[in-house]
PDB file of N, CA and C in Angstrom:
ATOM      1  N   ILE A   1     -90.597  12.140 210.483  1.00  0.00           N
ATOM      2  CA  ILE A   1     -90.560  11.293 209.296  1.00  0.00           C
ATOM      3  C   ILE A   1     -91.056  12.118 208.117  1.00  0.00           C
ATOM      4  N   LEU A   2     -90.336  12.034 207.015  1.00  0.00           N
ATOM      5  CA  LEU A   2     -90.750  12.711 205.787  1.00  0.00           C
ATOM      6  C   LEU A   2     -91.292  11.657 204.824  1.00  0.00           C
ATOM      7  N   LEU A   3     -92.548  11.819 204.420  1.00  0.00           N
ATOM      8  CA  LEU A   3     -93.178  10.948 203.420  1.00  0.00           C
ATOM      9  C   LEU A   3     -93.075  11.620 202.069  1.00  0.00           C
ATOM     10  N   VAL A   4     -92.597  10.884 201.058  1.00  0.00           N
ATOM     11  CA  VAL A   4     -92.472  11.442 199.714  1.00  0.00           C
ATOM     12  C   VAL A   4     -93.197  10.509 198.744  1.00  0.00           C
ATOM     13  N   ASP A   5     -94.286  11.021 198.151  1.00  0.00           N
ATOM     14  CA  ASP A   5     -95.082  10.243 197.206  1.00  0.00           C
ATOM     15  C   ASP A   5     -95.885  11.235 196.375  1.00  0.00           C
ATOM     16  N   ASP A   6     -95.990  10.993 195.073  1.00  0.00           N
ATOM     17  CA  ASP A   6     -96.753  11.907 194.224  1.00  0.00           C
ATOM     18  C   ASP A   6     -98.255  11.691 194.361  1.00  0.00           C
ATOM     19  N   ASN A   7     -98.668  10.634 195.041  1.00  0.00           N
ATOM     20  CA  ASN A   7    -100.082  10.333 195.226  1.00  0.00           C
ATOM     21  C   ASN A   7    -100.547  10.892 196.574  1.00  0.00           C
ATOM     22  N   ALA A   8    -101.367  11.938 196.517  1.00  0.00           N
ATOM     23  CA  ALA A   8    -101.824  12.611 197.747  1.00  0.00           C
ATOM     24  C   ALA A   8    -102.626  11.673 198.642  1.00  0.00           C
ATOM     25  N   PHE A   9    -103.421  10.788 198.049  1.00  0.00           N
ATOM     26  CA  PHE A   9    -104.192   9.829 198.843  1.00  0.00           C
ATOM     27  C   PHE A   9    -103.258   8.907 199.619  1.00  0.00           C
ATOM     28  N   GLN A  10    -102.221   8.421 198.944  1.00  0.00           N
ATOM     29  CA  GLN A  10    -101.236   7.544 199.599  1.00  0.00           C
ATOM     30  C   GLN A  10    -100.537   8.285 200.743  1.00  0.00           C
ATOM     31  N   LEU A  11    -100.177   9.538 200.514  1.00  0.00           N
ATOM     32  CA  LEU A  11     -99.539  10.337 201.565  1.00  0.00           C
ATOM     33  C   LEU A  11    -100.442  10.447 202.790  1.00  0.00           C
ATOM     34  N   ARG A  12    -101.691  10.806 202.568  1.00  0.00           N
ATOM     35  CA  ARG A  12    -102.633  10.959 203.698  1.00  0.00           C
ATOM     36  C   ARG A  12    -102.845   9.640 204.423  1.00  0.00           C
ATOM     37  N   THR A  13    -102.923   8.550 203.666  1.00  0.00           N
ATOM     38  CA  THR A  13    -103.133   7.230 204.267  1.00  0.00           C
ATOM     39  C   THR A  13    -101.976   6.856 205.192  1.00  0.00           C
ATOM     40  N   VAL A  14    -100.754   6.988 204.699  1.00  0.00           N
ATOM     41  CA  VAL A  14     -99.591   6.629 205.510  1.00  0.00           C
ATOM     42  C   VAL A  14     -99.434   7.608 206.677  1.00  0.00           C
ATOM     43  N   LYS A  15     -99.685   8.882 206.437  1.00  0.00           N
ATOM     44  CA  LYS A  15     -99.602   9.867 207.523  1.00  0.00           C
ATOM     45  C   LYS A  15    -100.557   9.496 208.650  1.00  0.00           C
ATOM     46  N   SER A  16    -101.782   9.111 208.292  1.00  0.00           N
ATOM     47  CA  SER A  16    -102.764   8.756 209.325  1.00  0.00           C
ATOM     48  C   SER A  16    -102.336   7.510 210.109  1.00  0.00           C
ATOM     49  N   MET A  17    -101.567   6.632 209.477  1.00  0.00           N
ATOM     50  CA  MET A  17    -101.061   5.441 210.168  1.00  0.00           C
ATOM     51  C   MET A  17     -99.978   5.791 211.192  1.00  0.00           C
ATOM     52  N   LEU A  18     -99.237   6.856 210.924  1.00  0.00           N
ATOM     53  CA  LEU A  18     -98.037   7.149 211.708  1.00  0.00           C
ATOM     54  C   LEU A  18     -98.157   8.324 212.667  1.00  0.00           C
ATOM     55  N   GLU A  19     -99.105   9.231 212.434  1.00  0.00           N
ATOM     56  CA  GLU A  19     -99.089  10.500 213.159  1.00  0.00           C
ATOM     57  C   GLU A  19     -99.344  10.392 214.662  1.00  0.00           C
ATOM     58  N   ALA A  20     -99.880   9.278 215.133  1.00  0.00           N
ATOM     59  CA  ALA A  20    -100.058   9.129 216.586  1.00  0.00           C
ATOM     60  C   ALA A  20     -98.708   8.944 217.289  1.00  0.00           C
ATOM     61  N   ASP A  21     -97.732   8.367 216.574  1.00  0.00           N
ATOM     62  CA  ASP A  21     -96.435   8.069 217.182  1.00  0.00           C
ATOM     63  C   ASP A  21     -95.276   8.893 216.638  1.00  0.00           C
ATOM     64  N   TYR A  22     -95.469   9.546 215.494  1.00  0.00           N
ATOM     65  CA  TYR A  22     -94.380  10.272 214.850  1.00  0.00           C
ATOM     66  C   TYR A  22     -94.856  11.635 214.357  1.00  0.00           C
ATOM     67  N   ASP A  23     -93.932  12.575 214.279  1.00  0.00           N
ATOM     68  CA  ASP A  23     -94.177  13.862 213.639  1.00  0.00           C
ATOM     69  C   ASP A  23     -93.955  13.611 212.146  1.00  0.00           C
ATOM     70  N   VAL A  24     -94.982  13.815 211.340  1.00  0.00           N
ATOM     71  CA  VAL A  24     -94.930  13.434 209.932  1.00  0.00           C
ATOM     72  C   VAL A  24     -95.020  14.663 209.027  1.00  0.00           C
ATOM     73  N   LEU A  25     -94.033  14.803 208.135  1.00  0.00           N
ATOM     74  CA  LEU A  25     -94.028  15.831 207.098  1.00  0.00           C
ATOM     75  C   LEU A  25     -94.312  15.131 205.773  1.00  0.00           C
ATOM     76  N   MET A  26     -94.847  15.873 204.800  1.00  0.00           N
ATOM     77  CA  MET A  26     -95.172  15.263 203.511  1.00  0.00           C
ATOM     78  C   MET A  26     -94.625  16.101 202.359  1.00  0.00           C
ATOM     79  N   ALA A  27     -94.294  15.403 201.263  1.00  0.00           N
ATOM     80  CA  ALA A  27     -93.861  16.063 200.031  1.00  0.00           C
ATOM     81  C   ALA A  27     -94.396  15.249 198.861  1.00  0.00           C
ATOM     82  N   THR A  28     -94.881  15.952 197.824  1.00  0.00           N
ATOM     83  CA  THR A  28     -95.462  15.276 196.662  1.00  0.00           C
ATOM     84  C   THR A  28     -94.507  15.165 195.475  1.00  0.00           C
ATOM     85  N   SER A  29     -93.257  15.583 195.661  1.00  0.00           N
ATOM     86  CA  SER A  29     -92.268  15.477 194.584  1.00  0.00           C
ATOM     87  C   SER A  29     -90.864  15.498 195.185  1.00  0.00           C
ATOM     88  N   ALA A  30     -89.897  15.159 194.355  1.00  0.00           N
ATOM     89  CA  ALA A  30     -88.507  15.191 194.797  1.00  0.00           C
ATOM     90  C   ALA A  30     -88.091  16.606 195.199  1.00  0.00           C
ATOM     91  N   MET A  31     -88.490  17.591 194.402  1.00  0.00           N
ATOM     92  CA  MET A  31     -88.100  18.970 194.710  1.00  0.00           C
ATOM     93  C   MET A  31     -88.702  19.437 196.029  1.00  0.00           C
ATOM     94  N   LYS A  32     -89.972  19.092 196.271  1.00  0.00           N
ATOM     95  CA  LYS A  32     -90.593  19.463 197.540  1.00  0.00           C
ATOM     96  C   LYS A  32     -89.932  18.728 198.700  1.00  0.00           C
ATOM     97  N   ALA A  33     -89.515  17.489 198.465  1.00  0.00           N
ATOM     98  CA  ALA A  33     -88.810  16.734 199.509  1.00  0.00           C
ATOM     99  C   ALA A  33     -87.485  17.421 199.851  1.00  0.00           C
ATOM    100  N   MET A  34     -86.753  17.845 198.843  1.00  0.00           N
ATOM    101  CA  MET A  34     -85.466  18.500 199.081  1.00  0.00           C
ATOM    102  C   MET A  34     -85.675  19.818 199.840  1.00  0.00           C
ATOM    103  N   THR A  35     -86.750  20.530 199.532  1.00  0.00           N
ATOM    104  CA  THR A  35     -87.076  21.769 200.244  1.00  0.00           C
ATOM    105  C   THR A  35     -87.376  21.461 201.713  1.00  0.00           C
ATOM    106  N   GLN A  36     -88.171  20.419 201.957  1.00  0.00           N
ATOM    107  CA  GLN A  36     -88.493  20.020 203.334  1.00  0.00           C
ATOM    108  C   GLN A  36     -87.223  19.659 204.102  1.00  0.00           C
ATOM    109  N   ILE A  37     -86.336  18.901 203.471  1.00  0.00           N
ATOM    110  CA  ILE A  37     -85.085  18.493 204.116  1.00  0.00           C
ATOM    111  C   ILE A  37     -84.246  19.722 204.436  1.00  0.00           C
ATOM    112  N   GLY A  38     -84.255  20.706 203.539  1.00  0.00           N
ATOM    113  CA  GLY A  38     -83.519  21.947 203.785  1.00  0.00           C
ATOM    114  C   GLY A  38     -84.047  22.721 204.983  1.00  0.00           C
ATOM    115  N   ARG A  39     -85.353  22.614 205.229  1.00  0.00           N
ATOM    116  CA  ARG A  39     -85.977  23.312 206.356  1.00  0.00           C
ATOM    117  C   ARG A  39     -85.800  22.562 207.675  1.00  0.00           C
ATOM    118  N   ARG A  40     -85.930  21.250 207.591  1.00  0.00           N
ATOM    119  CA  ARG A  40     -85.921  20.437 208.807  1.00  0.00           C
ATOM    120  C   ARG A  40     -85.460  19.026 208.458  1.00  0.00           C
ATOM    121  N   ILE A  41     -84.358  18.605 209.034  1.00  0.00           N
ATOM    122  CA  ILE A  41     -83.797  17.281 208.743  1.00  0.00           C
ATOM    123  C   ILE A  41     -84.651  16.207 209.431  1.00  0.00           C
ATOM    124  N   PRO A  42     -85.250  15.302 208.656  1.00  0.00           N
ATOM    125  CA  PRO A  42     -86.046  14.243 209.276  1.00  0.00           C
ATOM    126  C   PRO A  42     -85.158  13.127 209.825  1.00  0.00           C
ATOM    127  N   ASN A  43     -85.725  12.306 210.709  1.00  0.00           N
ATOM    128  CA  ASN A  43     -85.009  11.150 211.236  1.00  0.00           C
ATOM    129  C   ASN A  43     -85.077   9.974 210.275  1.00  0.00           C
ATOM    130  N   LEU A  44     -86.069  10.014 209.371  1.00  0.00           N
ATOM    131  CA  LEU A  44     -86.264   8.931 208.415  1.00  0.00           C
ATOM    132  C   LEU A  44     -87.098   9.461 207.256  1.00  0.00           C
ATOM    133  N   ILE A  45     -86.861   8.911 206.067  1.00  0.00           N
ATOM    134  CA  ILE A  45     -87.633   9.285 204.881  1.00  0.00           C
ATOM    135  C   ILE A  45     -88.288   8.027 204.332  1.00  0.00           C
ATOM    136  N   ILE A  46     -89.595   8.101 204.078  1.00  0.00           N
ATOM    137  CA  ILE A  46     -90.310   7.030 203.396  1.00  0.00           C
ATOM    138  C   ILE A  46     -90.564   7.537 201.981  1.00  0.00           C
ATOM    139  N   LEU A  47     -90.036   6.807 201.002  1.00  0.00           N
ATOM    140  CA  LEU A  47     -89.954   7.308 199.633  1.00  0.00           C
ATOM    141  C   LEU A  47     -90.612   6.363 198.635  1.00  0.00           C
ATOM    142  N   ASP A  48     -91.452   6.916 197.776  1.00  0.00           N
ATOM    143  CA  ASP A  48     -92.042   6.155 196.670  1.00  0.00           C
ATOM    144  C   ASP A  48     -91.011   6.076 195.545  1.00  0.00           C
ATOM    145  N   TYR A  49     -91.089   5.017 194.729  1.00  0.00           N
ATOM    146  CA  TYR A  49     -90.176   4.911 193.587  1.00  0.00           C
ATOM    147  C   TYR A  49     -90.773   5.562 192.349  1.00  0.00           C
ATOM    148  N   ASP A  50     -92.023   5.242 192.058  1.00  0.00           N
ATOM    149  CA  ASP A  50     -92.639   5.638 190.793  1.00  0.00           C
ATOM    150  C   ASP A  50     -93.250   7.031 190.902  1.00  0.00           C
ATOM    151  N   MET A  51     -92.451   8.043 190.586  1.00  0.00           N
ATOM    152  CA  MET A  51     -92.910   9.431 190.606  1.00  0.00           C
ATOM    153  C   MET A  51     -92.508  10.096 189.291  1.00  0.00           C
ATOM    154  N   PRO A  52     -93.312  11.052 188.809  1.00  0.00           N
ATOM    155  CA  PRO A  52     -92.967  11.732 187.556  1.00  0.00           C
ATOM    156  C   PRO A  52     -91.774  12.678 187.742  1.00  0.00           C
ATOM    157  N   VAL A  53     -91.145  13.024 186.685  1.00  0.00           N
ATOM    158  CA  VAL A  53     -90.004  13.944 186.600  1.00  0.00           C
ATOM    159  C   VAL A  53     -88.759  13.355 187.263  1.00  0.00           C
ATOM    160  N   CYS A  54     -88.822  13.108 188.542  1.00  0.00           N
ATOM    161  CA  CYS A  54     -87.662  12.612 189.287  1.00  0.00           C
ATOM    162  C   CYS A  54     -88.122  11.409 190.114  1.00  0.00           C
ATOM    163  N   ASP A  55     -87.729  10.207 189.705  1.00  0.00           N
ATOM    164  CA  ASP A  55     -88.205   9.009 190.405  1.00  0.00           C
ATOM    165  C   ASP A  55     -87.518   8.829 191.758  1.00  0.00           C
ATOM    166  N   GLY A  56     -87.933   7.805 192.478  1.00  0.00           N
ATOM    167  CA  GLY A  56     -87.412   7.578 193.823  1.00  0.00           C
ATOM    168  C   GLY A  56     -85.918   7.324 193.869  1.00  0.00           C
ATOM    169  N   LYS A  57     -85.403   6.608 192.874  1.00  0.00           N
ATOM    170  CA  LYS A  57     -83.961   6.337 192.837  1.00  0.00           C
ATOM    171  C   LYS A  57     -83.182   7.645 192.678  1.00  0.00           C
ATOM    172  N   MET A  58     -83.625   8.496 191.770  1.00  0.00           N
ATOM    173  CA  MET A  58     -82.959   9.789 191.569  1.00  0.00           C
ATOM    174  C   MET A  58     -83.084  10.662 192.819  1.00  0.00           C
ATOM    175  N   THR A  59     -84.252  10.628 193.449  1.00  0.00           N
ATOM    176  CA  THR A  59     -84.475  11.404 194.669  1.00  0.00           C
ATOM    177  C   THR A  59     -83.525  10.925 195.764  1.00  0.00           C
ATOM    178  N   PHE A  60     -83.422   9.621 195.907  1.00  0.00           N
ATOM    179  CA  PHE A  60     -82.523   9.021 196.906  1.00  0.00           C
ATOM    180  C   PHE A  60     -81.075   9.457 196.662  1.00  0.00           C
ATOM    181  N   GLU A  61     -80.662   9.449 195.415  1.00  0.00           N
ATOM    182  CA  GLU A  61     -79.300   9.877 195.075  1.00  0.00           C
ATOM    183  C   GLU A  61     -79.079  11.350 195.430  1.00  0.00           C
ATOM    184  N   MET A  62     -80.086  12.195 195.197  1.00  0.00           N
ATOM    185  CA  MET A  62     -79.965  13.623 195.548  1.00  0.00           C
ATOM    186  C   MET A  62     -79.854  13.793 197.069  1.00  0.00           C
ATOM    187  N   ILE A  63     -80.637  13.017 197.810  1.00  0.00           N
ATOM    188  CA  ILE A  63     -80.578  13.084 199.273  1.00  0.00           C
ATOM    189  C   ILE A  63     -79.181  12.705 199.752  1.00  0.00           C
ATOM    190  N   ARG A  64     -78.611  11.671 199.171  1.00  0.00           N
ATOM    191  CA  ARG A  64     -77.279  11.203 199.576  1.00  0.00           C
ATOM    192  C   ARG A  64     -76.172  12.216 199.250  1.00  0.00           C
ATOM    193  N   GLU A  65     -76.432  13.122 198.322  1.00  0.00           N
ATOM    194  CA  GLU A  65     -75.437  14.140 197.970  1.00  0.00           C
ATOM    195  C   GLU A  65     -75.409  15.298 198.962  1.00  0.00           C
ATOM    196  N   LEU A  66     -76.439  15.420 199.802  1.00  0.00           N
ATOM    197  CA  LEU A  66     -76.480  16.490 200.810  1.00  0.00           C
ATOM    198  C   LEU A  66     -75.737  16.044 202.064  1.00  0.00           C
ATOM    199  N   ASP A  67     -74.721  16.795 202.465  1.00  0.00           N
ATOM    200  CA  ASP A  67     -73.963  16.417 203.651  1.00  0.00           C
ATOM    201  C   ASP A  67     -74.848  16.219 204.874  1.00  0.00           C
ATOM    202  N   GLU A  68     -75.805  17.142 205.062  1.00  0.00           N
ATOM    203  CA  GLU A  68     -76.642  17.074 206.259  1.00  0.00           C
ATOM    204  C   GLU A  68     -77.690  15.963 206.188  1.00  0.00           C
ATOM    205  N   ALA A  69     -77.887  15.367 205.017  1.00  0.00           N
ATOM    206  CA  ALA A  69     -78.923  14.351 204.860  1.00  0.00           C
ATOM    207  C   ALA A  69     -78.391  12.982 204.449  1.00  0.00           C
ATOM    208  N   LYS A  70     -77.095  12.879 204.201  1.00  0.00           N
ATOM    209  CA  LYS A  70     -76.570  11.639 203.616  1.00  0.00           C
ATOM    210  C   LYS A  70     -76.712  10.410 204.512  1.00  0.00           C
ATOM    211  N   ASN A  71     -76.892  10.603 205.813  1.00  0.00           N
ATOM    212  CA  ASN A  71     -77.022   9.461 206.720  1.00  0.00           C
ATOM    213  C   ASN A  71     -78.454   9.199 207.175  1.00  0.00           C
ATOM    214  N   ILE A  72     -79.419   9.931 206.627  1.00  0.00           N
ATOM    215  CA  ILE A  72     -80.821   9.705 206.992  1.00  0.00           C
ATOM    216  C   ILE A  72     -81.258   8.351 206.418  1.00  0.00           C
ATOM    217  N   PRO A  73     -81.840   7.479 207.251  1.00  0.00           N
ATOM    218  CA  PRO A  73     -82.350   6.224 206.701  1.00  0.00           C
ATOM    219  C   PRO A  73     -83.499   6.497 205.728  1.00  0.00           C
ATOM    220  N   VAL A  74     -83.477   5.805 204.596  1.00  0.00           N
ATOM    221  CA  VAL A  74     -84.523   5.955 203.587  1.00  0.00           C
ATOM    222  C   VAL A  74     -85.172   4.586 203.381  1.00  0.00           C
ATOM    223  N   LEU A  75     -86.479   4.549 203.575  1.00  0.00           N
ATOM    224  CA  LEU A  75     -87.264   3.331 203.390  1.00  0.00           C
ATOM    225  C   LEU A  75     -88.140   3.527 202.154  1.00  0.00           C
ATOM    226  N   PHE A  76     -87.966   2.658 201.161  1.00  0.00           N
ATOM    227  CA  PHE A  76     -88.820   2.733 199.977  1.00  0.00           C
ATOM    228  C   PHE A  76     -90.140   2.032 200.275  1.00  0.00           C
ATOM    229  N   LEU A  77     -91.236   2.698 199.953  1.00  0.00           N
ATOM    230  CA  LEU A  77     -92.579   2.130 200.049  1.00  0.00           C
ATOM    231  C   LEU A  77     -93.204   2.377 198.686  1.00  0.00           C
ATOM    232  N   THR A  78     -93.307   1.315 197.887  1.00  0.00           N
ATOM    233  CA  THR A  78     -93.636   1.499 196.486  1.00  0.00           C
ATOM    234  C   THR A  78     -94.380   0.316 195.906  1.00  0.00           C
ATOM    235  N   GLY A  79     -95.027   0.547 194.799  1.00  0.00           N
ATOM    236  CA  GLY A  79     -95.690  -0.527 194.068  1.00  0.00           C
ATOM    237  C   GLY A  79     -94.780  -1.160 193.024  1.00  0.00           C
ATOM    238  N   VAL A  80     -93.583  -0.615 192.833  1.00  0.00           N
ATOM    239  CA  VAL A  80     -92.645  -1.127 191.830  1.00  0.00           C
ATOM    240  C   VAL A  80     -91.997  -2.394 192.370  1.00  0.00           C
ATOM    241  N   LYS A  81     -92.275  -3.519 191.693  1.00  0.00           N
ATOM    242  CA  LYS A  81     -91.770  -4.784 192.203  1.00  0.00           C
ATOM    243  C   LYS A  81     -90.982  -5.597 191.186  1.00  0.00           C
ATOM    244  N   ASP A  82     -90.602  -4.973 190.066  1.00  0.00           N
ATOM    245  CA  ASP A  82     -89.805  -5.747 189.115  1.00  0.00           C
ATOM    246  C   ASP A  82     -88.348  -5.799 189.595  1.00  0.00           C
ATOM    247  N   ARG A  83     -87.743  -6.927 189.333  1.00  0.00           N
ATOM    248  CA  ARG A  83     -86.411  -7.240 189.854  1.00  0.00           C
ATOM    249  C   ARG A  83     -85.361  -6.184 189.489  1.00  0.00           C
ATOM    250  N   GLU A  84     -85.396  -5.686 188.262  1.00  0.00           N
ATOM    251  CA  GLU A  84     -84.398  -4.709 187.805  1.00  0.00           C
ATOM    252  C   GLU A  84     -84.420  -3.430 188.654  1.00  0.00           C
ATOM    253  N   HIS A  85     -85.622  -2.894 188.899  1.00  0.00           N
ATOM    254  CA  HIS A  85     -85.737  -1.677 189.699  1.00  0.00           C
ATOM    255  C   HIS A  85     -85.334  -1.923 191.150  1.00  0.00           C
ATOM    256  N   ILE A  86     -85.762  -3.047 191.688  1.00  0.00           N
ATOM    257  CA  ILE A  86     -85.434  -3.370 193.083  1.00  0.00           C
ATOM    258  C   ILE A  86     -83.921  -3.499 193.243  1.00  0.00           C
ATOM    259  N   LYS A  87     -83.260  -4.216 192.319  1.00  0.00           N
ATOM    260  CA  LYS A  87     -81.803  -4.373 192.403  1.00  0.00           C
ATOM    261  C   LYS A  87     -81.099  -3.019 192.301  1.00  0.00           C
ATOM    262  N   ALA A  88     -81.574  -2.146 191.408  1.00  0.00           N
ATOM    263  CA  ALA A  88     -80.955  -0.822 191.247  1.00  0.00           C
ATOM    264  C   ALA A  88     -81.072  -0.012 192.532  1.00  0.00           C
ATOM    265  N   VAL A  89     -82.230  -0.089 193.176  1.00  0.00           N
ATOM    266  CA  VAL A  89     -82.437   0.655 194.418  1.00  0.00           C
ATOM    267  C   VAL A  89     -81.631   0.035 195.560  1.00  0.00           C
ATOM    268  N   LEU A  90     -81.669  -1.280 195.680  1.00  0.00           N
ATOM    269  CA  LEU A  90     -80.954  -1.927 196.782  1.00  0.00           C
ATOM    270  C   LEU A  90     -79.444  -1.717 196.689  1.00  0.00           C
ATOM    271  N   SER A  91     -78.926  -1.510 195.479  1.00  0.00           N
ATOM    272  CA  SER A  91     -77.492  -1.240 195.325  1.00  0.00           C
ATOM    273  C   SER A  91     -77.098   0.082 195.987  1.00  0.00           C
ATOM    274  N   LEU A  92     -78.079   0.965 196.197  1.00  0.00           N
ATOM    275  CA  LEU A  92     -77.829   2.254 196.858  1.00  0.00           C
ATOM    276  C   LEU A  92     -77.879   2.144 198.391  1.00  0.00           C
ATOM    277  N   LYS A  93     -78.212   0.984 198.876  1.00  0.00           N
ATOM    278  CA  LYS A  93     -78.247   0.690 200.313  1.00  0.00           C
ATOM    279  C   LYS A  93     -79.269   1.506 201.110  1.00  0.00           C
ATOM    280  N   PRO A  94     -80.555   1.415 200.718  1.00  0.00           N
ATOM    281  CA  PRO A  94     -81.581   2.071 201.541  1.00  0.00           C
ATOM    282  C   PRO A  94     -81.778   1.288 202.833  1.00  0.00           C
ATOM    283  N   ALA A  95     -82.536   1.848 203.753  1.00  0.00           N
ATOM    284  CA  ALA A  95     -82.830   1.169 205.014  1.00  0.00           C
ATOM    285  C   ALA A  95     -83.818   0.020 204.795  1.00  0.00           C
ATOM    286  N   GLY A  96     -84.532   0.035 203.663  1.00  0.00           N
ATOM    287  CA  GLY A  96     -85.466  -1.040 203.373  1.00  0.00           C
ATOM    288  C   GLY A  96     -86.271  -0.761 202.123  1.00  0.00           C
ATOM    289  N   TYR A  97     -87.013  -1.789 201.689  1.00  0.00           N
ATOM    290  CA  TYR A  97     -87.827  -1.704 200.491  1.00  0.00           C
ATOM    291  C   TYR A  97     -89.103  -2.476 200.770  1.00  0.00           C
ATOM    292  N   MET A  98     -90.230  -1.770 200.842  1.00  0.00           N
ATOM    293  CA  MET A  98     -91.517  -2.401 201.113  1.00  0.00           C
ATOM    294  C   MET A  98     -92.453  -2.167 199.937  1.00  0.00           C
ATOM    295  N   LEU A  99     -93.299  -3.167 199.680  1.00  0.00           N
ATOM    296  CA  LEU A  99     -94.260  -3.041 198.591  1.00  0.00           C
ATOM    297  C   LEU A  99     -95.603  -2.550 199.104  1.00  0.00           C
ATOM    298  N   LYS A 100     -96.243  -1.678 198.298  1.00  0.00           N
ATOM    299  CA  LYS A 100     -97.608  -1.226 198.579  1.00  0.00           C
ATOM    300  C   LYS A 100     -98.564  -2.325 198.128  1.00  0.00           C
ATOM    301  N   PRO A 101     -99.685  -2.471 198.768  1.00  0.00           N
ATOM    302  CA  PRO A 101    -100.064  -1.767 199.995  1.00  0.00           C
ATOM    303  C   PRO A 101     -99.422  -2.442 201.203  1.00  0.00           C
ATOM    304  N   ALA A 102     -98.959  -1.664 202.129  1.00  0.00           N
ATOM    305  CA  ALA A 102     -98.385  -2.199 203.368  1.00  0.00           C
ATOM    306  C   ALA A 102     -99.323  -1.816 204.509  1.00  0.00           C
ATOM    307  N   SER A 103     -99.481  -2.720 205.440  1.00  0.00           N
ATOM    308  CA  SER A 103    -100.373  -2.448 206.565  1.00  0.00           C
ATOM    309  C   SER A 103     -99.683  -1.529 207.572  1.00  0.00           C
ATOM    310  N   GLN A 104    -100.479  -0.930 208.431  1.00  0.00           N
ATOM    311  CA  GLN A 104     -99.930  -0.084 209.494  1.00  0.00           C
ATOM    312  C   GLN A 104     -98.953  -0.887 210.348  1.00  0.00           C
ATOM    313  N   GLU A 105     -99.315  -2.122 210.641  1.00  0.00           N
ATOM    314  CA  GLU A 105     -98.450  -2.980 211.457  1.00  0.00           C
ATOM    315  C   GLU A 105     -97.100  -3.223 210.774  1.00  0.00           C
ATOM    316  N   GLU A 106     -97.124  -3.508 209.468  1.00  0.00           N
ATOM    317  CA  GLU A 106     -95.879  -3.750 208.732  1.00  0.00           C
ATOM    318  C   GLU A 106     -94.991  -2.508 208.723  1.00  0.00           C
ATOM    319  N   ILE A 107     -95.590  -1.351 208.467  1.00  0.00           N
ATOM    320  CA  ILE A 107     -94.817  -0.106 208.404  1.00  0.00           C
ATOM    321  C   ILE A 107     -94.256   0.236 209.779  1.00  0.00           C
ATOM    322  N   THR A 108     -95.094   0.144 210.805  1.00  0.00           N
ATOM    323  CA  THR A 108     -94.651   0.466 212.166  1.00  0.00           C
ATOM    324  C   THR A 108     -93.527  -0.468 212.600  1.00  0.00           C
ATOM    325  N   GLU A 109     -93.672  -1.740 212.287  1.00  0.00           N
ATOM    326  CA  GLU A 109     -92.633  -2.713 212.646  1.00  0.00           C
ATOM    327  C   GLU A 109     -91.301  -2.360 211.980  1.00  0.00           C
ATOM    328  N   ARG A 110     -91.366  -2.002 210.699  1.00  0.00           N
ATOM    329  CA  ARG A 110     -90.136  -1.651 209.973  1.00  0.00           C
ATOM    330  C   ARG A 110     -89.512  -0.373 210.537  1.00  0.00           C
ATOM    331  N   LEU A 111     -90.350   0.620 210.865  1.00  0.00           N
ATOM    332  CA  LEU A 111     -89.836   1.866 211.433  1.00  0.00           C
ATOM    333  C   LEU A 111     -89.163   1.607 212.775  1.00  0.00           C
ATOM    334  N   GLU A 112     -89.740   0.735 213.579  1.00  0.00           N
ATOM    335  CA  GLU A 112     -89.135   0.420 214.874  1.00  0.00           C
ATOM    336  C   GLU A 112     -87.824  -0.341 214.703  1.00  0.00           C
ATOM    337  N   GLN A 113     -87.710  -1.165 213.654  1.00  0.00           N
ATOM    338  CA  GLN A 113     -86.442  -1.840 213.365  1.00  0.00           C
ATOM    339  C   GLN A 113     -85.356  -0.823 213.031  1.00  0.00           C
ATOM    340  N   ILE A 114     -85.743   0.220 212.313  1.00  0.00           N
ATOM    341  CA  ILE A 114     -84.783   1.225 211.855  1.00  0.00           C
ATOM    342  C   ILE A 114     -84.488   2.254 212.942  1.00  0.00           C
ATOM    343  N   LEU A 115     -85.538   2.783 213.577  1.00  0.00           N
ATOM    344  CA  LEU A 115     -85.396   3.897 214.523  1.00  0.00           C
ATOM    345  C   LEU A 115     -85.396   3.473 215.990  1.00  0.00           C
ATOM    346  N   GLY A 116     -85.788   2.238 216.257  1.00  0.00           N
ATOM    347  CA  GLY A 116     -85.969   1.798 217.629  1.00  0.00           C
ATOM    348  C   GLY A 116     -87.424   2.000 218.034  1.00  0.00           C
ATOM    349  N   PRO A 117     -87.826   1.388 219.142  1.00  0.00           N
ATOM    350  CA  PRO A 117     -89.229   1.495 219.552  1.00  0.00           C
ATOM    351  C   PRO A 117     -89.616   2.920 219.913  1.00  0.00           C
ATOM    352  N   VAL A 118     -90.881   3.227 219.696  1.00  0.00           N
ATOM    353  CA  VAL A 118     -91.417   4.534 220.081  1.00  0.00           C
ATOM    354  C   VAL A 118     -91.499   4.546 221.602  1.00  0.00           C
ATOM    355  N   ARG A 119     -90.966   5.568 222.209  1.00  0.00           N
ATOM    356  CA  ARG A 119     -91.015   5.663 223.663  1.00  0.00           C
ATOM    357  C   ARG A 119     -92.433   5.973 224.096  1.00  0.00           C
ATOM    358  N   GLU A 120     -92.878   5.283 225.112  1.00  0.00           N
ATOM    359  CA  GLU A 120     -94.269   5.398 225.577  1.00  0.00           C
ATOM    360  C   GLU A 120     -94.674   6.832 225.900  1.00  0.00           C
ATOM    361  N   GLU A 121     -93.738   7.613 226.450  1.00  0.00           N
ATOM    362  CA  GLU A 121     -94.117   8.982 226.826  1.00  0.00           C
ATOM    363  C   GLU A 121     -94.431   9.850 225.618  1.00  0.00           C
ATOM    364  N   TYR A 122     -94.049   9.409 224.409  1.00  0.00           N
ATOM    365  CA  TYR A 122     -94.351  10.190 223.218  1.00  0.00           C
ATOM    366  C   TYR A 122     -95.652   9.747 222.547  1.00  0.00           C
ATOM    367  N   ARG A 123     -96.164   8.608 222.928  1.00  0.00           N
ATOM    368  CA  ARG A 123     -97.406   8.108 222.323  1.00  0.00           C
ATOM    369  C   ARG A 123     -98.577   8.963 222.761  1.00  0.00           C
ATOM    370  N   GLU A 124     -99.458   9.252 221.811  1.00  0.00           N
ATOM    371  CA  GLU A 124    -100.666  10.016 222.132  1.00  0.00           C
ATOM    372  C   GLU A 124    -101.709   9.055 222.677  1.00  0.00           C
ATOM    373  N   GLU A 125    -102.479   9.520 223.620  1.00  0.00           N
ATOM    374  CA  GLU A 125    -103.535   8.690 224.209  1.00  0.00           C
ATOM    375  C   GLU A 125    -104.772   8.733 223.356  1.00  0.00           C
TER     376      GLU A 125
END
């Protein structure tokens, strides 16, 4: 899973929620996310909307332009909740849109809906 958020605290928080069950990569900007995708294609991207220079919608559009990444599910996890932004993002057909703060249970449940349940043999004890 690739986490993309300009807030380092938010990245660490979500990473700590997921790292027992998933291999988690992090990026603090759209450009760093694109570099990560170029190195290793993730199974899912969790993307913030409100980022400087290149916002989440623009980042999502760039991801969709890459042949090797165009089918990666993208889940928005963001504090942006105004109707106009949500409609603009949903028109791009992401895998989902969640508002911050989201609990570990909410995020894990959504990831399992998208990726399927985590297989027990991969869970850390």
